[in-house]
Amino acid sequence: MLVHKCDRCKKTLTDRELTVKAGVGYDSYEFCKKCGAPIVRILKGYGLVKNLKTGLAL
């Protein structure tokens, strides 16, 4: 079983939770909704977020 945790607060993430994934290739990070909120706010400001339900579409 693969366990996903927020890379900032170490909270265990479930499949139903909204998560923010950032990075390229092996250097990637996964954040919970609370820790990823600043990242989403910046991406929305630049118009890079299309749909939060299906993921970040850049």
Protein backbone atom coordinates (compact mmCIF):
# COMPACT_ATOMS: atom_id res chain seq x y z
CA MET A 1 0.00 0.00 0.00
CA LEU A 2 1.35 3.39 -1.01
CA VAL A 3 0.89 6.12 1.60
CA HIS A 4 0.84 9.76 0.49
CA LYS A 5 1.73 12.48 2.98
CA CYS A 6 1.86 16.25 2.73
CA ASP A 7 5.50 17.26 2.29
CA ARG A 8 5.03 20.26 4.59
CA CYS A 9 2.81 19.20 7.53
CA LYS A 10 3.18 15.38 7.14
CA LYS A 11 -0.61 14.84 7.19
CA THR A 12 -1.71 11.57 5.55
CA LEU A 13 -3.57 12.28 2.31
CA THR A 14 -6.52 10.21 1.13
CA ASP A 15 -7.67 9.63 -2.44
CA ARG A 16 -10.78 11.78 -1.99
CA GLU A 17 -8.89 14.82 -0.75
CA LEU A 18 -7.90 17.73 -2.96
CA THR A 19 -4.12 17.78 -3.21
CA VAL A 20 -1.64 20.08 -4.92
CA LYS A 21 1.26 18.47 -6.74
CA ALA A 22 4.20 20.64 -7.74
CA GLY A 23 7.48 19.84 -9.42
CA VAL A 24 9.04 18.22 -12.44
CA GLY A 25 10.14 14.62 -12.76
CA TYR A 26 11.66 13.14 -9.63
CA ASP A 27 11.79 16.52 -7.90
CA SER A 28 8.07 16.76 -7.09
CA TYR A 29 6.11 17.57 -3.96
CA GLU A 30 2.57 16.85 -2.79
CA PHE A 31 0.67 19.19 -0.46
CA CYS A 32 -2.66 19.00 1.37
CA LYS A 33 -5.38 21.55 0.61
CA LYS A 34 -4.34 23.83 3.48
CA CYS A 35 -0.61 23.85 2.70
CA GLY A 36 -1.18 24.08 -1.06
CA ALA A 37 -3.58 27.06 -0.88
CA PRO A 38 -0.84 29.69 -1.43
CA ILE A 39 0.39 27.82 -4.51
CA VAL A 40 -3.13 27.63 -5.97
CA ARG A 41 -3.69 31.35 -5.24
CA ILE A 42 -0.52 32.29 -7.17
CA LEU A 43 -1.44 30.04 -10.12
CA LYS A 44 -4.97 31.50 -10.22
CA GLY A 45 -3.47 34.99 -10.31
CA TYR A 46 -1.57 34.07 -13.47
CA GLY A 47 -4.57 32.29 -14.98
CA LEU A 48 -2.88 28.88 -14.98
CA VAL A 49 -5.55 26.94 -13.07
CA LYS A 50 -8.42 25.74 -15.23
CA ASN A 51 -10.25 23.20 -13.05
CA LEU A 52 -9.47 22.25 -9.45
CA LYS A 53 -11.72 19.15 -9.49
CA THR A 54 -9.76 17.37 -12.22
CA GLY A 55 -6.37 18.74 -11.22
CA LEU A 56 -4.19 21.62 -12.20
CA ALA A 57 -4.30 22.06 -15.94
CA LEU A 58 -1.37 24.21 -17.01
